[in-house]
Every structure is written in structure tokens, then in C-alpha cells.
């Protein structure tokens, strides 16, 4: 009996030892795995030749990674080819398929220049001419030299490409365009236009068709029901000149009546008699 107990005890030890060497399966988690973080292709931002211009490379270490071009999940009911601009997050989405989009970092209007609405792509131009509007020249008189238009080029504020927008056929002056100021991406920095890195706007330019729908979301991320434009800047009132000193009034000259020059009438009794000498001795 005692031997049988010992044999059973020994067998149990062997079983426990074997079980300790086997890797147990992990408990399945009920929490879904997080979606992988989109990774940007650094090759998108190397220097490139575009026509007669050489676009410089972008120092990616100075650009927040979320503002680099990448393919992302983006739930939307909008059709492929639609552009959706999230000004609050400073993202532009180009819808590529069901719930997918290419996302670009952008710069948007600074305080007082924000807008939202639905527009359409009216025109697209490479290396466009930039003409500052009169109200911008009023704010920055040094831009008056470009009142007739600044030719396209690396220092042109519209950058390598411009996509012109109209709402109900009206051009309100808003553009999606490149910029030499890539440092402004991710900020509220423009006068209402949507700025993009030059390499990115070239990419979007080649994808978006004429007539494409462009939705600029409200600041709280909603699709606008109407066009919301910024209030016009108050017109400058010319500073009044100080009053000029007035000359002292000149008194009218006093006119003294002239003395009466009529001959005085003499009393005959007082008159001195006149002596007439005798003619030919006559007295």
C-alpha cells in the first residue's frame, strides 16, 4: 500500500515538472489592437527639379511628423476625389476610396481670416503669378511693387502650384497653394488661403480634377451649411489735420468826411472896399 502511494506521488511530480516547461497560451484580450500609426514616406520631400526651378528639400526633422503626407483611415461618405479641409487640426484630406484618404499638413487663416464653406476647383496653375489684393497692399504697403503681379518662382507666395476655388461661381480670392514658408505648416498663418509644402501641393495638383468638391469644415469640425466669410476689416479713417491758424481780422478803415470846399459867403458890410485907380487921370 505504501509503495503504491509513493509511485502515485512520484508520477504526480513528473506531471507537474513537465507542465512547468510548457509555454501557456496568453489570455486573449478583449481590447482591439490600436491601428498602426501611419508612416510618412521621407522620399516625398527630397529636392526635385520642376520645370526651370529646383525645389529645395524639406528638413523633415523640423516638421512635426503628423503634418507629413501619408495615407490614413478617414471615415467619410464623400466620393473619391473630394477635398476636405480640417482647419482646426490643420489637415487637408484627399479622399481616395471608401474610408481612406491621403492626408497633408497645411497652414490656415490666422485670427480674423478664418472661413468655412463648400467650393469647387475652378482652375489650376503651375508656378502661378501672385497679385496681392488692394486690402493686403493697404496692410503692407511694401507689397505695392507687386500690384501688377509677381511672376511665378521660388519666392512667390503661391509656391509651385495654385488651385483656385469658387463658391457658386464666385471667386472670393481663396486658393490652395504651395509656399516657400514651409515652417508655417501646422499653424494659423495665412490670410485665408490654404498653404501646403511645395512637394505636397504638386502631388495634390496631379490628383484633384477640375470641378472637384472642396469642403472647408467649421472650426468645430462640422460640414458647413453655408459660406462663412470673415468680417471685412474696418476701413482706415484719415487722420484729421490740425486746424490752421487763422489771420486776425482787419478792421474796416474809418472814412473821415472831407471838408466842404465851397467858398465862404462874406457879409458885404464887413468886406474891405476895393480901390480902383482912375483911368487917364480921372479920379
C-alpha atoms as a PDB file:
ATOM      1  CA  UNK A   1       0.000   0.000   0.000  1.00  0.00           C
ATOM      2  CA  UNK A   2       2.771   2.319   0.992  1.00  0.00           C
ATOM      3  CA  UNK A   3       4.655   1.513  -2.225  1.00  0.00           C
ATOM      4  CA  UNK A   4       1.584   2.239  -4.346  1.00  0.00           C
ATOM      5  CA  UNK A   5       1.213   5.680  -2.721  1.00  0.00           C
ATOM      6  CA  UNK A   6       4.857   6.503  -3.385  1.00  0.00           C
ATOM      7  CA  UNK A   7       4.513   5.512  -7.046  1.00  0.00           C
ATOM      8  CA  UNK A   8       1.455   7.744  -7.473  1.00  0.00           C
ATOM      9  CA  UNK A   9       3.211  10.688  -5.743  1.00  0.00           C
ATOM     10  CA  UNK A  10       6.253  10.341  -7.973  1.00  0.00           C
ATOM     11  CA  UNK A  11       4.089  10.252 -11.090  1.00  0.00           C
ATOM     12  CA  UNK A  12       2.382  13.448  -9.972  1.00  0.00           C
ATOM     13  CA  UNK A  13       5.722  15.217  -9.557  1.00  0.00           C
ATOM     14  CA  UNK A  14       6.765  14.216 -13.051  1.00  0.00           C
ATOM     15  CA  UNK A  15       3.493  15.553 -14.457  1.00  0.00           C
ATOM     16  CA  UNK A  16       3.926  18.903 -12.664  1.00  0.00           C
ATOM     17  CA  UNK A  17       7.514  19.187 -13.860  1.00  0.00           C
ATOM     18  CA  UNK A  18       6.519  18.615 -17.477  1.00  0.00           C
ATOM     19  CA  UNK A  19       3.678  21.113 -17.221  1.00  0.00           C
ATOM     20  CA  UNK A  20       6.079  23.781 -15.950  1.00  0.00           C
ATOM     21  CA  UNK A  21       8.183  23.537 -19.127  1.00  0.00           C
ATOM     22  CA  UNK A  22       5.256  24.134 -21.473  1.00  0.00           C
ATOM     23  CA  UNK A  23       4.580  27.776 -22.543  1.00  0.00           C
ATOM     24  CA  UNK A  24       0.963  28.532 -21.830  1.00  0.00           C
ATOM     25  CA  UNK A  25      -1.140  30.397 -24.362  1.00  0.00           C
ATOM     26  CA  UNK A  26      -1.714  34.072 -23.439  1.00  0.00           C
ATOM     27  CA  UNK A  27      -5.195  35.106 -22.466  1.00  0.00           C
ATOM     28  CA  UNK A  28      -6.958  36.704 -25.392  1.00  0.00           C
ATOM     29  CA  UNK A  29      -7.531  40.435 -24.856  1.00  0.00           C
ATOM     30  CA  UNK A  30     -10.982  41.857 -25.422  1.00  0.00           C
ATOM     31  CA  UNK A  31      -9.465  45.290 -26.254  1.00  0.00           C
ATOM     32  CA  UNK A  32      -8.972  45.711 -30.028  1.00  0.00           C
ATOM     33  CA  UNK A  33      -5.439  46.444 -31.127  1.00  0.00           C
ATOM     34  CA  UNK A  34      -4.736  50.071 -31.936  1.00  0.00           C
ATOM     35  CA  UNK A  35      -4.454  50.899 -35.603  1.00  0.00           C
ATOM     36  CA  UNK A  36      -0.846  51.281 -36.701  1.00  0.00           C
ATOM     37  CA  UNK A  37       0.382  54.843 -36.831  1.00  0.00           C
ATOM     38  CA  UNK A  38       0.637  55.994 -40.465  1.00  0.00           C
ATOM     39  CA  UNK A  39       4.199  56.419 -41.600  1.00  0.00           C
ATOM     40  CA  UNK A  40       5.205  59.175 -43.983  1.00  0.00           C
ATOM     41  CA  UNK A  41       7.477  58.460 -46.921  1.00  0.00           C
ATOM     42  CA  UNK A  42      10.516  60.632 -46.376  1.00  0.00           C
ATOM     43  CA  UNK A  43      11.331  60.353 -50.067  1.00  0.00           C
ATOM     44  CA  UNK A  44       8.398  62.665 -50.761  1.00  0.00           C
ATOM     45  CA  UNK A  45      10.365  65.678 -49.602  1.00  0.00           C
ATOM     46  CA  UNK A  46      13.721  65.439 -51.358  1.00  0.00           C
ATOM     47  CA  UNK A  47      14.912  68.203 -53.681  1.00  0.00           C
ATOM     48  CA  UNK A  48      13.353  67.962 -57.125  1.00  0.00           C
ATOM     49  CA  UNK A  49      13.525  69.671 -60.462  1.00  0.00           C
ATOM     50  CA  UNK A  50      10.235  71.153 -61.652  1.00  0.00           C
ATOM     51  CA  UNK A  51      10.448  72.919 -64.962  1.00  0.00           C
ATOM     52  CA  UNK A  52      13.144  75.558 -64.711  1.00  0.00           C
ATOM     53  CA  UNK A  53      13.042  75.596 -60.903  1.00  0.00           C
ATOM     54  CA  UNK A  54      14.785  73.377 -58.373  1.00  0.00           C
ATOM     55  CA  UNK A  55      12.591  72.907 -55.318  1.00  0.00           C
ATOM     56  CA  UNK A  56      14.785  72.500 -52.224  1.00  0.00           C
ATOM     57  CA  UNK A  57      14.477  69.520 -49.898  1.00  0.00           C
ATOM     58  CA  UNK A  58      12.465  69.921 -46.703  1.00  0.00           C
ATOM     59  CA  UNK A  59      14.342  69.346 -43.409  1.00  0.00           C
ATOM     60  CA  UNK A  60      11.935  66.757 -42.024  1.00  0.00           C
ATOM     61  CA  UNK A  61      13.363  66.950 -38.522  1.00  0.00           C
ATOM     62  CA  UNK A  62      11.851  70.432 -38.331  1.00  0.00           C
ATOM     63  CA  UNK A  63       8.344  69.400 -39.441  1.00  0.00           C
ATOM     64  CA  UNK A  64       6.022  67.652 -36.943  1.00  0.00           C
ATOM     65  CA  UNK A  65       5.541  64.124 -38.354  1.00  0.00           C
ATOM     66  CA  UNK A  66       1.739  64.328 -38.330  1.00  0.00           C
ATOM     67  CA  UNK A  67       1.935  67.075 -40.952  1.00  0.00           C
ATOM     68  CA  UNK A  68       3.820  64.957 -43.481  1.00  0.00           C
ATOM     69  CA  UNK A  69       1.919  63.355 -46.355  1.00  0.00           C
ATOM     70  CA  UNK A  70       0.530  59.910 -45.522  1.00  0.00           C
ATOM     71  CA  UNK A  71      -2.323  57.528 -46.269  1.00  0.00           C
ATOM     72  CA  UNK A  72      -4.806  57.310 -43.392  1.00  0.00           C
ATOM     73  CA  UNK A  73      -8.149  55.818 -42.470  1.00  0.00           C
ATOM     74  CA  UNK A  74     -10.767  58.533 -42.832  1.00  0.00           C
ATOM     75  CA  UNK A  75     -14.437  57.633 -42.413  1.00  0.00           C
ATOM     76  CA  UNK A  76     -16.496  59.721 -44.809  1.00  0.00           C
ATOM     77  CA  UNK A  77     -19.435  59.416 -47.146  1.00  0.00           C
ATOM     78  CA  UNK A  78     -17.863  61.813 -49.648  1.00  0.00           C
ATOM     79  CA  UNK A  79     -16.882  60.458 -53.042  1.00  0.00           C
ATOM     80  CA  UNK A  80     -13.267  59.813 -54.036  1.00  0.00           C
ATOM     81  CA  UNK A  81     -11.707  62.959 -55.448  1.00  0.00           C
ATOM     82  CA  UNK A  82     -13.275  65.195 -52.783  1.00  0.00           C
ATOM     83  CA  UNK A  83     -11.035  67.536 -50.785  1.00  0.00           C
ATOM     84  CA  UNK A  84     -11.907  68.022 -47.103  1.00  0.00           C
ATOM     85  CA  UNK A  85     -10.059  70.672 -45.108  1.00  0.00           C
ATOM     86  CA  UNK A  86      -9.988  70.479 -41.318  1.00  0.00           C
ATOM     87  CA  UNK A  87      -8.801  73.943 -40.319  1.00  0.00           C
ATOM     88  CA  UNK A  88      -8.893  73.179 -36.586  1.00  0.00           C
ATOM     89  CA  UNK A  89      -6.427  70.288 -36.960  1.00  0.00           C
ATOM     90  CA  UNK A  90      -4.568  71.845 -39.928  1.00  0.00           C
ATOM     91  CA  UNK A  91      -5.111  68.820 -42.186  1.00  0.00           C
ATOM     92  CA  UNK A  92      -6.200  68.514 -45.805  1.00  0.00           C
ATOM     93  CA  UNK A  93      -7.724  65.170 -46.812  1.00  0.00           C
ATOM     94  CA  UNK A  94      -7.958  63.976 -50.389  1.00  0.00           C
ATOM     95  CA  UNK A  95     -10.489  61.146 -50.402  1.00  0.00           C
ATOM     96  CA  UNK A  96      -9.032  58.168 -52.303  1.00  0.00           C
ATOM     97  CA  UNK A  97     -11.561  55.418 -51.566  1.00  0.00           C
ATOM     98  CA  UNK A  98     -14.039  54.072 -49.070  1.00  0.00           C
ATOM     99  CA  UNK A  99     -12.968  55.488 -45.688  1.00  0.00           C
ATOM    100  CA  UNK A 100      -9.409  56.149 -46.887  1.00  0.00           C
ATOM    101  CA  UNK A 101      -7.629  59.370 -47.771  1.00  0.00           C
ATOM    102  CA  UNK A 102      -4.267  60.965 -48.353  1.00  0.00           C
ATOM    103  CA  UNK A 103      -3.630  63.458 -45.581  1.00  0.00           C
ATOM    104  CA  UNK A 104      -1.443  66.548 -45.905  1.00  0.00           C
ATOM    105  CA  UNK A 105      -0.346  69.103 -43.334  1.00  0.00           C
ATOM    106  CA  UNK A 106      -1.423  72.664 -44.083  1.00  0.00           C
ATOM    107  CA  UNK A 107      -1.336  76.227 -42.775  1.00  0.00           C
ATOM    108  CA  UNK A 108      -4.665  78.034 -42.479  1.00  0.00           C
ATOM    109  CA  UNK A 109      -6.028  81.527 -41.908  1.00  0.00           C
ATOM    110  CA  UNK A 110      -4.841  83.406 -38.870  1.00  0.00           C
ATOM    111  CA  UNK A 111      -7.238  85.011 -36.406  1.00  0.00           C
ATOM    112  CA  UNK A 112      -9.737  87.175 -38.235  1.00  0.00           C
ATOM    113  CA  UNK A 113      -9.174  85.437 -41.582  1.00  0.00           C
ATOM    114  CA  UNK A 114     -10.860  82.064 -40.942  1.00  0.00           C
ATOM    115  CA  UNK A 115     -13.623  80.881 -43.244  1.00  0.00           C
ATOM    116  CA  UNK A 116     -15.672  77.772 -43.974  1.00  0.00           C
ATOM    117  CA  UNK A 117     -17.909  76.646 -46.790  1.00  0.00           C
ATOM    118  CA  UNK A 118     -18.220  74.407 -49.819  1.00  0.00           C
ATOM    119  CA  UNK A 119     -16.399  75.326 -53.018  1.00  0.00           C
ATOM    120  CA  UNK A 120     -15.264  73.784 -56.275  1.00  0.00           C
ATOM    121  CA  UNK A 121     -11.949  73.683 -58.077  1.00  0.00           C
ATOM    122  CA  UNK A 122     -12.292  76.352 -60.764  1.00  0.00           C
ATOM    123  CA  UNK A 123      -8.740  76.368 -62.126  1.00  0.00           C
ATOM    124  CA  UNK A 124      -5.240  75.041 -61.515  1.00  0.00           C
ATOM    125  CA  UNK A 125      -1.951  76.671 -62.460  1.00  0.00           C
ATOM    126  CA  UNK A 126       1.734  75.728 -62.161  1.00  0.00           C
ATOM    127  CA  UNK A 127       4.095  78.396 -60.848  1.00  0.00           C
ATOM    128  CA  UNK A 128       1.295  80.982 -60.798  1.00  0.00           C
ATOM    129  CA  UNK A 129       1.574  84.756 -60.795  1.00  0.00           C
ATOM    130  CA  UNK A 130       0.607  86.298 -57.476  1.00  0.00           C
ATOM    131  CA  UNK A 131      -1.219  89.620 -57.323  1.00  0.00           C
ATOM    132  CA  UNK A 132      -1.812  90.976 -53.811  1.00  0.00           C
ATOM    133  CA  UNK A 133      -5.345  92.342 -53.351  1.00  0.00           C
ATOM    134  CA  UNK A 134      -5.751  96.048 -52.560  1.00  0.00           C
ATOM    135  CA  UNK A 135      -6.646  95.403 -48.910  1.00  0.00           C
ATOM    136  CA  UNK A 136      -3.397  93.470 -48.455  1.00  0.00           C
ATOM    137  CA  UNK A 137      -1.390  96.278 -50.001  1.00  0.00           C
ATOM    138  CA  UNK A 138      -3.149  98.617 -47.594  1.00  0.00           C
ATOM    139  CA  UNK A 139      -1.979  96.466 -44.680  1.00  0.00           C
ATOM    140  CA  UNK A 140       1.511  96.041 -46.130  1.00  0.00           C
ATOM    141  CA  UNK A 141       2.430  98.997 -48.337  1.00  0.00           C
ATOM    142  CA  UNK A 142       5.730  97.341 -49.268  1.00  0.00           C
ATOM    143  CA  UNK A 143       3.726  94.952 -51.483  1.00  0.00           C
ATOM    144  CA  UNK A 144       2.679  97.802 -53.766  1.00  0.00           C
ATOM    145  CA  UNK A 145       5.564  96.879 -56.081  1.00  0.00           C
ATOM    146  CA  UNK A 146       3.658  93.693 -56.960  1.00  0.00           C
ATOM    147  CA  UNK A 147       0.342  95.433 -57.685  1.00  0.00           C
ATOM    148  CA  UNK A 148       0.778  94.349 -61.303  1.00  0.00           C
ATOM    149  CA  UNK A 149       1.628  90.760 -60.316  1.00  0.00           C
ATOM    150  CA  UNK A 150       4.685  88.877 -59.039  1.00  0.00           C
ATOM    151  CA  UNK A 151       5.938  86.279 -61.545  1.00  0.00           C
ATOM    152  CA  UNK A 152       5.986  82.624 -60.520  1.00  0.00           C
ATOM    153  CA  UNK A 153       9.143  81.422 -58.814  1.00  0.00           C
ATOM    154  CA  UNK A 154      10.696  80.026 -55.658  1.00  0.00           C
ATOM    155  CA  UNK A 155       9.991  83.189 -53.641  1.00  0.00           C
ATOM    156  CA  UNK A 156       6.448  83.659 -54.948  1.00  0.00           C
ATOM    157  CA  UNK A 157       3.953  83.299 -52.055  1.00  0.00           C
ATOM    158  CA  UNK A 158       1.795  80.887 -54.109  1.00  0.00           C
ATOM    159  CA  UNK A 159       4.650  78.434 -54.470  1.00  0.00           C
ATOM    160  CA  UNK A 160       4.838  75.731 -57.128  1.00  0.00           C
ATOM    161  CA  UNK A 161       1.107  75.274 -57.751  1.00  0.00           C
ATOM    162  CA  UNK A 162      -2.193  77.051 -57.120  1.00  0.00           C
ATOM    163  CA  UNK A 163      -5.657  75.504 -57.061  1.00  0.00           C
ATOM    164  CA  UNK A 164      -8.299  78.225 -57.460  1.00  0.00           C
ATOM    165  CA  UNK A 165     -11.623  77.913 -55.637  1.00  0.00           C
ATOM    166  CA  UNK A 166     -15.063  79.330 -56.384  1.00  0.00           C
ATOM    167  CA  UNK A 167     -18.315  79.110 -54.434  1.00  0.00           C
ATOM    168  CA  UNK A 168     -21.481  79.271 -56.543  1.00  0.00           C
ATOM    169  CA  UNK A 169     -19.359  80.630 -59.366  1.00  0.00           C
ATOM    170  CA  UNK A 170     -17.946  83.490 -57.288  1.00  0.00           C
ATOM    171  CA  UNK A 171     -14.202  83.859 -56.715  1.00  0.00           C
ATOM    172  CA  UNK A 172     -13.636  85.086 -53.165  1.00  0.00           C
ATOM    173  CA  UNK A 173      -9.866  85.010 -53.577  1.00  0.00           C
ATOM    174  CA  UNK A 174      -9.229  81.718 -51.766  1.00  0.00           C
ATOM    175  CA  UNK A 175      -6.621  79.271 -53.053  1.00  0.00           C
ATOM    176  CA  UNK A 176      -4.952  76.013 -52.123  1.00  0.00           C
ATOM    177  CA  UNK A 177      -1.327  76.693 -52.941  1.00  0.00           C
ATOM    178  CA  UNK A 178       2.295  75.954 -52.214  1.00  0.00           C
ATOM    179  CA  UNK A 179       4.543  78.152 -50.137  1.00  0.00           C
ATOM    180  CA  UNK A 180       8.237  78.895 -49.709  1.00  0.00           C
ATOM    181  CA  UNK A 181       7.455  79.283 -45.984  1.00  0.00           C
ATOM    182  CA  UNK A 182       7.227  75.574 -45.146  1.00  0.00           C
ATOM    183  CA  UNK A 183       7.841  76.487 -41.480  1.00  0.00           C
ATOM    184  CA  UNK A 184       4.274  77.815 -41.330  1.00  0.00           C
ATOM    185  CA  UNK A 185       2.737  74.363 -41.923  1.00  0.00           C
ATOM    186  CA  UNK A 186       0.660  73.329 -38.919  1.00  0.00           C
ATOM    187  CA  UNK A 187      -0.067  76.923 -37.939  1.00  0.00           C
ATOM    188  CA  UNK A 188      -2.683  79.630 -38.389  1.00  0.00           C
ATOM    189  CA  UNK A 189      -0.568  81.859 -40.576  1.00  0.00           C
ATOM    190  CA  UNK A 190      -2.270  82.864 -43.831  1.00  0.00           C
ATOM    191  CA  UNK A 191      -4.821  85.440 -44.936  1.00  0.00           C
ATOM    192  CA  UNK A 192      -7.384  82.693 -45.516  1.00  0.00           C
ATOM    193  CA  UNK A 193      -5.719  80.605 -48.214  1.00  0.00           C
ATOM    194  CA  UNK A 194      -4.658  77.003 -47.591  1.00  0.00           C
ATOM    195  CA  UNK A 195      -0.874  76.646 -47.700  1.00  0.00           C
ATOM    196  CA  UNK A 196       0.931  73.397 -48.460  1.00  0.00           C
ATOM    197  CA  UNK A 197       4.537  72.268 -48.718  1.00  0.00           C
ATOM    198  CA  UNK A 198       5.548  72.635 -52.382  1.00  0.00           C
ATOM    199  CA  UNK A 199       6.175  68.900 -52.801  1.00  0.00           C
ATOM    200  CA  UNK A 200       2.708  68.219 -51.373  1.00  0.00           C
ATOM    201  CA  UNK A 201       0.803  70.722 -53.493  1.00  0.00           C
ATOM    202  CA  UNK A 202       2.432  69.259 -56.612  1.00  0.00           C
ATOM    203  CA  UNK A 203       1.164  65.837 -55.520  1.00  0.00           C
ATOM    204  CA  UNK A 204      -2.365  67.135 -54.868  1.00  0.00           C
ATOM    205  CA  UNK A 205      -2.342  69.119 -58.128  1.00  0.00           C
ATOM    206  CA  UNK A 206      -1.775  65.898 -60.040  1.00  0.00           C
ATOM    207  CA  UNK A 207      -4.661  64.130 -58.283  1.00  0.00           C
ATOM    208  CA  UNK A 208      -7.512  66.610 -57.915  1.00  0.00           C
ATOM    209  CA  UNK A 209      -9.655  67.143 -61.024  1.00  0.00           C
ATOM    210  CA  UNK A 210     -11.169  70.397 -62.219  1.00  0.00           C
ATOM    211  CA  UNK A 211     -14.610  70.877 -60.694  1.00  0.00           C
ATOM    212  CA  UNK A 212     -13.762  68.759 -57.647  1.00  0.00           C
ATOM    213  CA  UNK A 213     -15.735  69.429 -54.478  1.00  0.00           C
ATOM    214  CA  UNK A 214     -13.836  71.168 -51.676  1.00  0.00           C
ATOM    215  CA  UNK A 215     -15.282  71.223 -48.155  1.00  0.00           C
ATOM    216  CA  UNK A 216     -13.774  73.598 -45.611  1.00  0.00           C
ATOM    217  CA  UNK A 217     -15.097  72.415 -42.254  1.00  0.00           C
ATOM    218  CA  UNK A 218     -16.227  74.747 -39.489  1.00  0.00           C
ATOM    219  CA  UNK A 219     -13.908  75.250 -36.538  1.00  0.00           C
ATOM    220  CA  UNK A 220     -15.765  72.544 -34.599  1.00  0.00           C
ATOM    221  CA  UNK A 221     -15.277  70.058 -37.438  1.00  0.00           C
ATOM    222  CA  UNK A 222     -18.758  70.147 -38.970  1.00  0.00           C
ATOM    223  CA  UNK A 223     -19.755  70.346 -42.616  1.00  0.00           C
ATOM    224  CA  UNK A 224     -20.910  73.947 -43.159  1.00  0.00           C
ATOM    225  CA  UNK A 225     -24.438  74.643 -44.332  1.00  0.00           C
ATOM    226  CA  UNK A 226     -23.457  77.986 -45.861  1.00  0.00           C
ATOM    227  CA  UNK A 227     -20.468  80.084 -46.766  1.00  0.00           C
ATOM    228  CA  UNK A 228     -18.997  81.762 -43.684  1.00  0.00           C
ATOM    229  CA  UNK A 229     -16.625  84.589 -44.553  1.00  0.00           C
ATOM    230  CA  UNK A 230     -14.599  86.728 -42.150  1.00  0.00           C
ATOM    231  CA  UNK A 231     -15.891  90.181 -41.367  1.00  0.00           C
ATOM    232  CA  UNK A 232     -14.308  92.848 -43.559  1.00  0.00           C
ATOM    233  CA  UNK A 233     -11.596  94.849 -41.898  1.00  0.00           C
ATOM    234  CA  UNK A 234     -12.713  98.341 -40.865  1.00  0.00           C
ATOM    235  CA  UNK A 235     -11.595 100.986 -43.279  1.00  0.00           C
ATOM    236  CA  UNK A 236      -8.924 103.310 -42.076  1.00  0.00           C
ATOM    237  CA  UNK A 237     -10.136 106.833 -41.379  1.00  0.00           C
ATOM    238  CA  UNK A 238      -7.720 109.521 -42.484  1.00  0.00           C
ATOM    239  CA  UNK A 239      -6.316 111.414 -39.546  1.00  0.00           C
ATOM    240  CA  UNK A 240      -7.771 114.908 -39.415  1.00  0.00           C
ATOM    241  CA  UNK A 241      -5.264 117.691 -39.913  1.00  0.00           C
ATOM    242  CA  UNK A 242      -4.927 120.141 -37.024  1.00  0.00           C
ATOM    243  CA  UNK A 243      -6.750 123.425 -37.664  1.00  0.00           C
ATOM    244  CA  UNK A 244      -4.597 126.013 -39.316  1.00  0.00           C
ATOM    245  CA  UNK A 245      -4.197 129.369 -37.506  1.00  0.00           C
ATOM    246  CA  UNK A 246      -6.484 131.989 -38.956  1.00  0.00           C
ATOM    247  CA  UNK A 247      -5.217 135.564 -39.609  1.00  0.00           C
ATOM    248  CA  UNK A 248      -6.522 138.259 -37.281  1.00  0.00           C
ATOM    249  CA  UNK A 249      -9.491 140.115 -38.739  1.00  0.00           C
ATOM    250  CA  UNK A 250      -8.635 143.534 -40.270  1.00  0.00           C
ATOM    251  CA  UNK A 251     -10.856 146.418 -39.123  1.00  0.00           C
ATOM    252  CA  UNK A 252     -12.592 148.386 -41.822  1.00  0.00           C
ATOM    253  CA  UNK A 253     -10.847 151.724 -42.401  1.00  0.00           C
ATOM    254  CA  UNK A 254     -12.561 154.745 -40.835  1.00  0.00           C
ATOM    255  CA  UNK A 255     -13.609 157.192 -43.542  1.00  0.00           C
ATOM    256  CA  UNK A 256     -13.444 160.849 -42.407  1.00  0.00           C
ATOM    257  CA  UNK A 257     -15.712 163.091 -44.463  1.00  0.00           C
ATOM    258  CA  UNK A 258     -13.734 165.637 -46.469  1.00  0.00           C
ATOM    259  CA  UNK A 259     -14.024 169.367 -45.532  1.00  0.00           C
ATOM    260  CA  UNK A 260     -16.524 171.413 -47.526  1.00  0.00           C
ATOM    261  CA  UNK A 261     -14.525 173.309 -50.129  1.00  0.00           C
ATOM    262  CA  UNK A 262     -17.335 175.633 -51.209  1.00  0.00           C
ATOM    263  CA  UNK A 263     -16.341 179.321 -50.920  1.00  0.00           C
ATOM    264  CA  UNK A 264     -17.464 181.058 -47.762  1.00  0.00           C
ATOM    265  CA  UNK A 265     -20.118 183.764 -48.085  1.00  0.00           C
ATOM    266  CA  UNK A 266     -18.824 187.126 -46.752  1.00  0.00           C
ATOM    267  CA  UNK A 267     -21.091 189.774 -45.188  1.00  0.00           C
ATOM    268  CA  UNK A 268     -20.968 192.742 -47.523  1.00  0.00           C
ATOM    269  CA  UNK A 269     -20.820 195.171 -44.629  1.00  0.00           C
ATOM    270  CA  UNK A 270     -17.672 193.591 -43.413  1.00  0.00           C
ATOM    271  CA  UNK A 271     -15.972 193.451 -46.753  1.00  0.00           C
ATOM    272  CA  UNK A 272     -12.935 195.649 -47.451  1.00  0.00           C
ATOM    273  CA  UNK A 273     -13.699 198.162 -50.250  1.00  0.00           C
ATOM    274  CA  UNK A 274     -11.748 197.793 -53.411  1.00  0.00           C
ATOM    275  CA  UNK A 275      -9.978 200.971 -54.674  1.00  0.00           C
ATOM    276  CA  UNK A 276      -9.992 201.321 -58.426  1.00  0.00           C
ATOM    277  CA  UNK A 277      -7.381 203.705 -59.760  1.00  0.00           C
ATOM    278  CA  UNK A 278      -8.684 206.464 -62.068  1.00  0.00           C
ATOM    279  CA  UNK A 279      -8.402 205.838 -65.708  1.00  0.00           C
ATOM    280  CA  UNK A 280      -6.445 208.569 -67.615  1.00  0.00           C
ATOM    281  CA  UNK A 281      -6.161 210.609 -64.512  1.00  0.00           C
ATOM    282  CA  UNK A 282      -9.742 210.618 -63.723  1.00  0.00           C
ATOM    283  CA  UNK A 283     -10.458 210.283 -60.149  1.00  0.00           C
END
